[in-house]
Amino acid sequence: MGREKDAELAKEEAWDRKAQAEDIRCWLGGELIIHCEREVYFKTGMCGYHAHMMAKDD
């Protein structure tokens, strides 16, 4: 189990370096996109929070 966690942490760190180097940010809030929000970002251009807020029905 330790190896799996280490591999996941390595993926997250690699993504963080890529996001910083390529300035991958939410177009609405400007924050860097974290590893777990990559899919949402590539679909919407926003972080998970802002994508959710824009999509919710008030």
PDB file of N, CA and C in Angstrom:
ATOM      1  N   MET A   1       0.819  -1.192   0.000  1.00  0.00           N
ATOM      2  CA  MET A   1       0.000   0.000   0.000  1.00  0.00           C
ATOM      3  C   MET A   1       0.863   1.256   0.000  1.00  0.00           C
ATOM      4  N   GLY A   2       2.020   1.244   0.611  1.00  0.00           N
ATOM      5  CA  GLY A   2       2.888   2.400   0.658  1.00  0.00           C
ATOM      6  C   GLY A   2       3.361   2.818  -0.717  1.00  0.00           C
ATOM      7  N   ARG A   3       3.619   1.850  -1.588  1.00  0.00           N
ATOM      8  CA  ARG A   3       4.078   2.166  -2.936  1.00  0.00           C
ATOM      9  C   ARG A   3       2.998   2.861  -3.748  1.00  0.00           C
ATOM     10  N   GLU A   4       1.763   2.419  -3.580  1.00  0.00           N
ATOM     11  CA  GLU A   4       0.649   3.050  -4.299  1.00  0.00           C
ATOM     12  C   GLU A   4       0.493   4.509  -3.876  1.00  0.00           C
ATOM     13  N   LYS A   5       0.592   4.756  -2.582  1.00  0.00           N
ATOM     14  CA  LYS A   5       0.463   6.122  -2.078  1.00  0.00           C
ATOM     15  C   LYS A   5       1.629   6.977  -2.577  1.00  0.00           C
ATOM     16  N   ASP A   6       2.834   6.428  -2.562  1.00  0.00           N
ATOM     17  CA  ASP A   6       3.996   7.156  -3.062  1.00  0.00           C
ATOM     18  C   ASP A   6       3.839   7.490  -4.538  1.00  0.00           C
ATOM     19  N   ALA A   7       3.309   6.548  -5.313  1.00  0.00           N
ATOM     20  CA  ALA A   7       3.101   6.786  -6.745  1.00  0.00           C
ATOM     21  C   ALA A   7       2.062   7.884  -6.962  1.00  0.00           C
ATOM     22  N   GLU A   8       0.999   7.869  -6.172  1.00  0.00           N
ATOM     23  CA  GLU A   8      -0.046   8.899  -6.291  1.00  0.00           C
ATOM     24  C   GLU A   8       0.511  10.273  -5.902  1.00  0.00           C
ATOM     25  N   LEU A   9       1.292  10.321  -4.851  1.00  0.00           N
ATOM     26  CA  LEU A   9       1.897  11.585  -4.437  1.00  0.00           C
ATOM     27  C   LEU A   9       2.851  12.107  -5.513  1.00  0.00           C
ATOM     28  N   ALA A  10       3.587  11.208  -6.145  1.00  0.00           N
ATOM     29  CA  ALA A  10       4.497  11.613  -7.221  1.00  0.00           C
ATOM     30  C   ALA A  10       3.710  12.195  -8.395  1.00  0.00           C
ATOM     31  N   LYS A  11       2.570  11.590  -8.722  1.00  0.00           N
ATOM     32  CA  LYS A  11       1.718  12.113  -9.801  1.00  0.00           C
ATOM     33  C   LYS A  11       1.201  13.509  -9.458  1.00  0.00           C
ATOM     34  N   GLU A  12       0.766  13.673  -8.217  1.00  0.00           N
ATOM     35  CA  GLU A  12       0.246  14.972  -7.789  1.00  0.00           C
ATOM     36  C   GLU A  12       1.342  16.041  -7.831  1.00  0.00           C
ATOM     37  N   GLU A  13       2.533  15.689  -7.370  1.00  0.00           N
ATOM     38  CA  GLU A  13       3.646  16.643  -7.389  1.00  0.00           C
ATOM     39  C   GLU A  13       4.032  17.002  -8.815  1.00  0.00           C
ATOM     40  N   ALA A  14       4.039  16.009  -9.709  1.00  0.00           N
ATOM     41  CA  ALA A  14       4.367  16.274 -11.114  1.00  0.00           C
ATOM     42  C   ALA A  14       3.325  17.202 -11.731  1.00  0.00           C
ATOM     43  N   TRP A  15       2.051  16.965 -11.421  1.00  0.00           N
ATOM     44  CA  TRP A  15       1.002  17.836 -11.947  1.00  0.00           C
ATOM     45  C   TRP A  15       1.166  19.254 -11.403  1.00  0.00           C
ATOM     46  N   ASP A  16       1.459  19.369 -10.114  1.00  0.00           N
ATOM     47  CA  ASP A  16       1.634  20.705  -9.522  1.00  0.00           C
ATOM     48  C   ASP A  16       2.755  21.469 -10.225  1.00  0.00           C
ATOM     49  N   ARG A  17       3.855  20.789 -10.536  1.00  0.00           N
ATOM     50  CA  ARG A  17       4.957  21.443 -11.259  1.00  0.00           C
ATOM     51  C   ARG A  17       4.509  21.858 -12.658  1.00  0.00           C
ATOM     52  N   LYS A  18       3.751  20.984 -13.334  1.00  0.00           N
ATOM     53  CA  LYS A  18       3.265  21.292 -14.687  1.00  0.00           C
ATOM     54  C   LYS A  18       2.300  22.478 -14.651  1.00  0.00           C
ATOM     55  N   ALA A  19       1.367  22.456 -13.709  1.00  0.00           N
ATOM     56  CA  ALA A  19       0.389  23.545 -13.600  1.00  0.00           C
ATOM     57  C   ALA A  19       1.096  24.871 -13.335  1.00  0.00           C
ATOM     58  N   GLN A  20       2.112  24.841 -12.491  1.00  0.00           N
ATOM     59  CA  GLN A  20       2.862  26.058 -12.190  1.00  0.00           C
ATOM     60  C   GLN A  20       3.641  26.516 -13.421  1.00  0.00           C
ATOM     61  N   ALA A  21       4.332  25.601 -14.082  1.00  0.00           N
ATOM     62  CA  ALA A  21       5.171  25.947 -15.233  1.00  0.00           C
ATOM     63  C   ALA A  21       4.350  26.462 -16.411  1.00  0.00           C
ATOM     64  N   GLU A  22       3.159  25.858 -16.614  1.00  0.00           N
ATOM     65  CA  GLU A  22       2.323  26.226 -17.758  1.00  0.00           C
ATOM     66  C   GLU A  22       1.211  27.204 -17.389  1.00  0.00           C
ATOM     67  N   ASP A  23       1.209  27.626 -16.117  1.00  0.00           N
ATOM     68  CA  ASP A  23       0.218  28.584 -15.621  1.00  0.00           C
ATOM     69  C   ASP A  23      -1.212  28.102 -15.906  1.00  0.00           C
ATOM     70  N   ILE A  24      -1.497  26.871 -15.495  1.00  0.00           N
ATOM     71  CA  ILE A  24      -2.817  26.275 -15.692  1.00  0.00           C
ATOM     72  C   ILE A  24      -3.702  26.729 -14.531  1.00  0.00           C
ATOM     73  N   ARG A  25      -4.588  27.669 -14.823  1.00  0.00           N
ATOM     74  CA  ARG A  25      -5.397  28.299 -13.786  1.00  0.00           C
ATOM     75  C   ARG A  25      -6.877  28.341 -14.175  1.00  0.00           C
ATOM     76  N   CYS A  26      -7.707  28.429 -13.164  1.00  0.00           N
ATOM     77  CA  CYS A  26      -9.140  28.643 -13.345  1.00  0.00           C
ATOM     78  C   CYS A  26      -9.324  30.013 -13.990  1.00  0.00           C
ATOM     79  N   TRP A  27     -10.077  30.073 -15.075  1.00  0.00           N
ATOM     80  CA  TRP A  27     -10.250  31.370 -15.750  1.00  0.00           C
ATOM     81  C   TRP A  27     -11.099  32.329 -14.935  1.00  0.00           C
ATOM     82  N   LEU A  28     -11.881  31.806 -14.008  1.00  0.00           N
ATOM     83  CA  LEU A  28     -12.757  32.667 -13.229  1.00  0.00           C
ATOM     84  C   LEU A  28     -12.086  33.173 -11.952  1.00  0.00           C
ATOM     85  N   GLY A  29     -11.441  32.270 -11.231  1.00  0.00           N
ATOM     86  CA  GLY A  29     -10.855  32.658  -9.950  1.00  0.00           C
ATOM     87  C   GLY A  29      -9.352  32.863  -9.966  1.00  0.00           C
ATOM     88  N   GLY A  30      -8.680  32.299 -10.960  1.00  0.00           N
ATOM     89  CA  GLY A  30      -7.250  32.489 -11.091  1.00  0.00           C
ATOM     90  C   GLY A  30      -6.381  31.533 -10.305  1.00  0.00           C
ATOM     91  N   GLU A  31      -6.971  30.609  -9.543  1.00  0.00           N
ATOM     92  CA  GLU A  31      -6.146  29.700  -8.770  1.00  0.00           C
ATOM     93  C   GLU A  31      -5.605  28.568  -9.649  1.00  0.00           C
ATOM     94  N   LEU A  32      -4.433  28.054  -9.249  1.00  0.00           N
ATOM     95  CA  LEU A  32      -3.848  26.927  -9.961  1.00  0.00           C
ATOM     96  C   LEU A  32      -4.764  25.714  -9.830  1.00  0.00           C
ATOM     97  N   ILE A  33      -4.823  24.923 -10.872  1.00  0.00           N
ATOM     98  CA  ILE A  33      -5.659  23.721 -10.868  1.00  0.00           C
ATOM     99  C   ILE A  33      -4.900  22.593 -10.187  1.00  0.00           C
ATOM    100  N   ILE A  34      -5.542  21.946  -9.225  1.00  0.00           N
ATOM    101  CA  ILE A  34      -4.913  20.831  -8.532  1.00  0.00           C
ATOM    102  C   ILE A  34      -5.167  19.530  -9.282  1.00  0.00           C
ATOM    103  N   HIS A  35      -4.402  18.526  -8.940  1.00  0.00           N
ATOM    104  CA  HIS A  35      -4.411  17.239  -9.642  1.00  0.00           C
ATOM    105  C   HIS A  35      -5.808  16.645  -9.788  1.00  0.00           C
ATOM    106  N   CYS A  36      -6.573  16.617  -8.726  1.00  0.00           N
ATOM    107  CA  CYS A  36      -7.887  15.959  -8.764  1.00  0.00           C
ATOM    108  C   CYS A  36      -8.933  16.741  -9.549  1.00  0.00           C
ATOM    109  N   GLU A  37      -8.638  17.988  -9.931  1.00  0.00           N
ATOM    110  CA  GLU A  37      -9.599  18.804 -10.689  1.00  0.00           C
ATOM    111  C   GLU A  37      -9.230  18.944 -12.167  1.00  0.00           C
ATOM    112  N   ARG A  38      -8.259  18.153 -12.617  1.00  0.00           N
ATOM    113  CA  ARG A  38      -7.806  18.245 -14.005  1.00  0.00           C
ATOM    114  C   ARG A  38      -8.940  18.004 -14.993  1.00  0.00           C
ATOM    115  N   GLU A  39      -9.715  16.971 -14.769  1.00  0.00           N
ATOM    116  CA  GLU A  39     -10.789  16.612 -15.702  1.00  0.00           C
ATOM    117  C   GLU A  39     -11.808  17.750 -15.825  1.00  0.00           C
ATOM    118  N   VAL A  40     -12.197  18.308 -14.708  1.00  0.00           N
ATOM    119  CA  VAL A  40     -13.149  19.428 -14.709  1.00  0.00           C
ATOM    120  C   VAL A  40     -12.543  20.614 -15.449  1.00  0.00           C
ATOM    121  N   TYR A  41     -11.274  20.880 -15.183  1.00  0.00           N
ATOM    122  CA  TYR A  41     -10.614  22.014 -15.834  1.00  0.00           C
ATOM    123  C   TYR A  41     -10.606  21.852 -17.351  1.00  0.00           C
ATOM    124  N   PHE A  42     -10.250  20.672 -17.835  1.00  0.00           N
ATOM    125  CA  PHE A  42     -10.165  20.486 -19.284  1.00  0.00           C
ATOM    126  C   PHE A  42     -11.537  20.506 -19.960  1.00  0.00           C
ATOM    127  N   LYS A  43     -12.591  20.249 -19.185  1.00  0.00           N
ATOM    128  CA  LYS A  43     -13.951  20.346 -19.740  1.00  0.00           C
ATOM    129  C   LYS A  43     -14.484  21.778 -19.702  1.00  0.00           C
ATOM    130  N   THR A  44     -14.156  22.507 -18.632  1.00  0.00           N
ATOM    131  CA  THR A  44     -14.797  23.806 -18.408  1.00  0.00           C
ATOM    132  C   THR A  44     -13.853  24.999 -18.400  1.00  0.00           C
ATOM    133  N   GLY A  45     -12.575  24.758 -18.155  1.00  0.00           N
ATOM    134  CA  GLY A  45     -11.633  25.859 -18.004  1.00  0.00           C
ATOM    135  C   GLY A  45     -11.645  26.452 -16.606  1.00  0.00           C
ATOM    136  N   MET A  46     -12.379  25.816 -15.700  1.00  0.00           N
ATOM    137  CA  MET A  46     -12.506  26.329 -14.334  1.00  0.00           C
ATOM    138  C   MET A  46     -12.110  25.257 -13.324  1.00  0.00           C
ATOM    139  N   CYS A  47     -11.864  25.699 -12.086  1.00  0.00           N
ATOM    140  CA  CYS A  47     -11.628  24.764 -10.992  1.00  0.00           C
ATOM    141  C   CYS A  47     -12.961  24.085 -10.653  1.00  0.00           C
ATOM    142  N   GLY A  48     -12.900  23.060  -9.843  1.00  0.00           N
ATOM    143  CA  GLY A  48     -14.109  22.332  -9.482  1.00  0.00           C
ATOM    144  C   GLY A  48     -15.147  23.193  -8.792  1.00  0.00           C
ATOM    145  N   TYR A  49     -14.694  24.064  -7.895  1.00  0.00           N
ATOM    146  CA  TYR A  49     -15.626  24.928  -7.166  1.00  0.00           C
ATOM    147  C   TYR A  49     -16.385  25.844  -8.116  1.00  0.00           C
ATOM    148  N   HIS A  50     -15.655  26.551  -8.968  1.00  0.00           N
ATOM    149  CA  HIS A  50     -16.320  27.501  -9.853  1.00  0.00           C
ATOM    150  C   HIS A  50     -17.168  26.796 -10.909  1.00  0.00           C
ATOM    151  N   ALA A  51     -16.722  25.651 -11.388  1.00  0.00           N
ATOM    152  CA  ALA A  51     -17.529  24.885 -12.344  1.00  0.00           C
ATOM    153  C   ALA A  51     -18.846  24.470 -11.694  1.00  0.00           C
ATOM    154  N   HIS A  52     -18.780  24.046 -10.442  1.00  0.00           N
ATOM    155  CA  HIS A  52     -19.992  23.648  -9.719  1.00  0.00           C
ATOM    156  C   HIS A  52     -20.926  24.844  -9.508  1.00  0.00           C
ATOM    157  N   MET A  53     -20.349  25.972  -9.097  1.00  0.00           N
ATOM    158  CA  MET A  53     -21.163  27.162  -8.836  1.00  0.00           C
ATOM    159  C   MET A  53     -21.842  27.662 -10.114  1.00  0.00           C
ATOM    160  N   MET A  54     -21.158  27.586 -11.230  1.00  0.00           N
ATOM    161  CA  MET A  54     -21.736  28.036 -12.502  1.00  0.00           C
ATOM    162  C   MET A  54     -22.833  27.078 -12.994  1.00  0.00           C
ATOM    163  N   ALA A  55     -22.685  25.793 -12.661  1.00  0.00           N
ATOM    164  CA  ALA A  55     -23.625  24.788 -13.149  1.00  0.00           C
ATOM    165  C   ALA A  55     -24.844  24.615 -12.260  1.00  0.00           C
ATOM    166  N   LYS A  56     -24.744  25.013 -11.009  1.00  0.00           N
ATOM    167  CA  LYS A  56     -25.869  24.762 -10.093  1.00  0.00           C
ATOM    168  C   LYS A  56     -27.060  25.635 -10.446  1.00  0.00           C
ATOM    169  N   ASP A  57     -28.198  25.117 -10.142  1.00  0.00           N
ATOM    170  CA  ASP A  57     -29.471  25.771 -10.464  1.00  0.00           C
ATOM    171  C   ASP A  57     -30.008  26.476  -9.231  1.00  0.00           C
ATOM    172  N   ASP A  58     -30.015  27.773  -9.246  1.00  0.00           N
ATOM    173  CA  ASP A  58     -30.542  28.522  -8.087  1.00  0.00           C
ATOM    174  C   ASP A  58     -31.982  28.898  -8.278  1.00  0.00           C
TER     175      ASP A  58
END
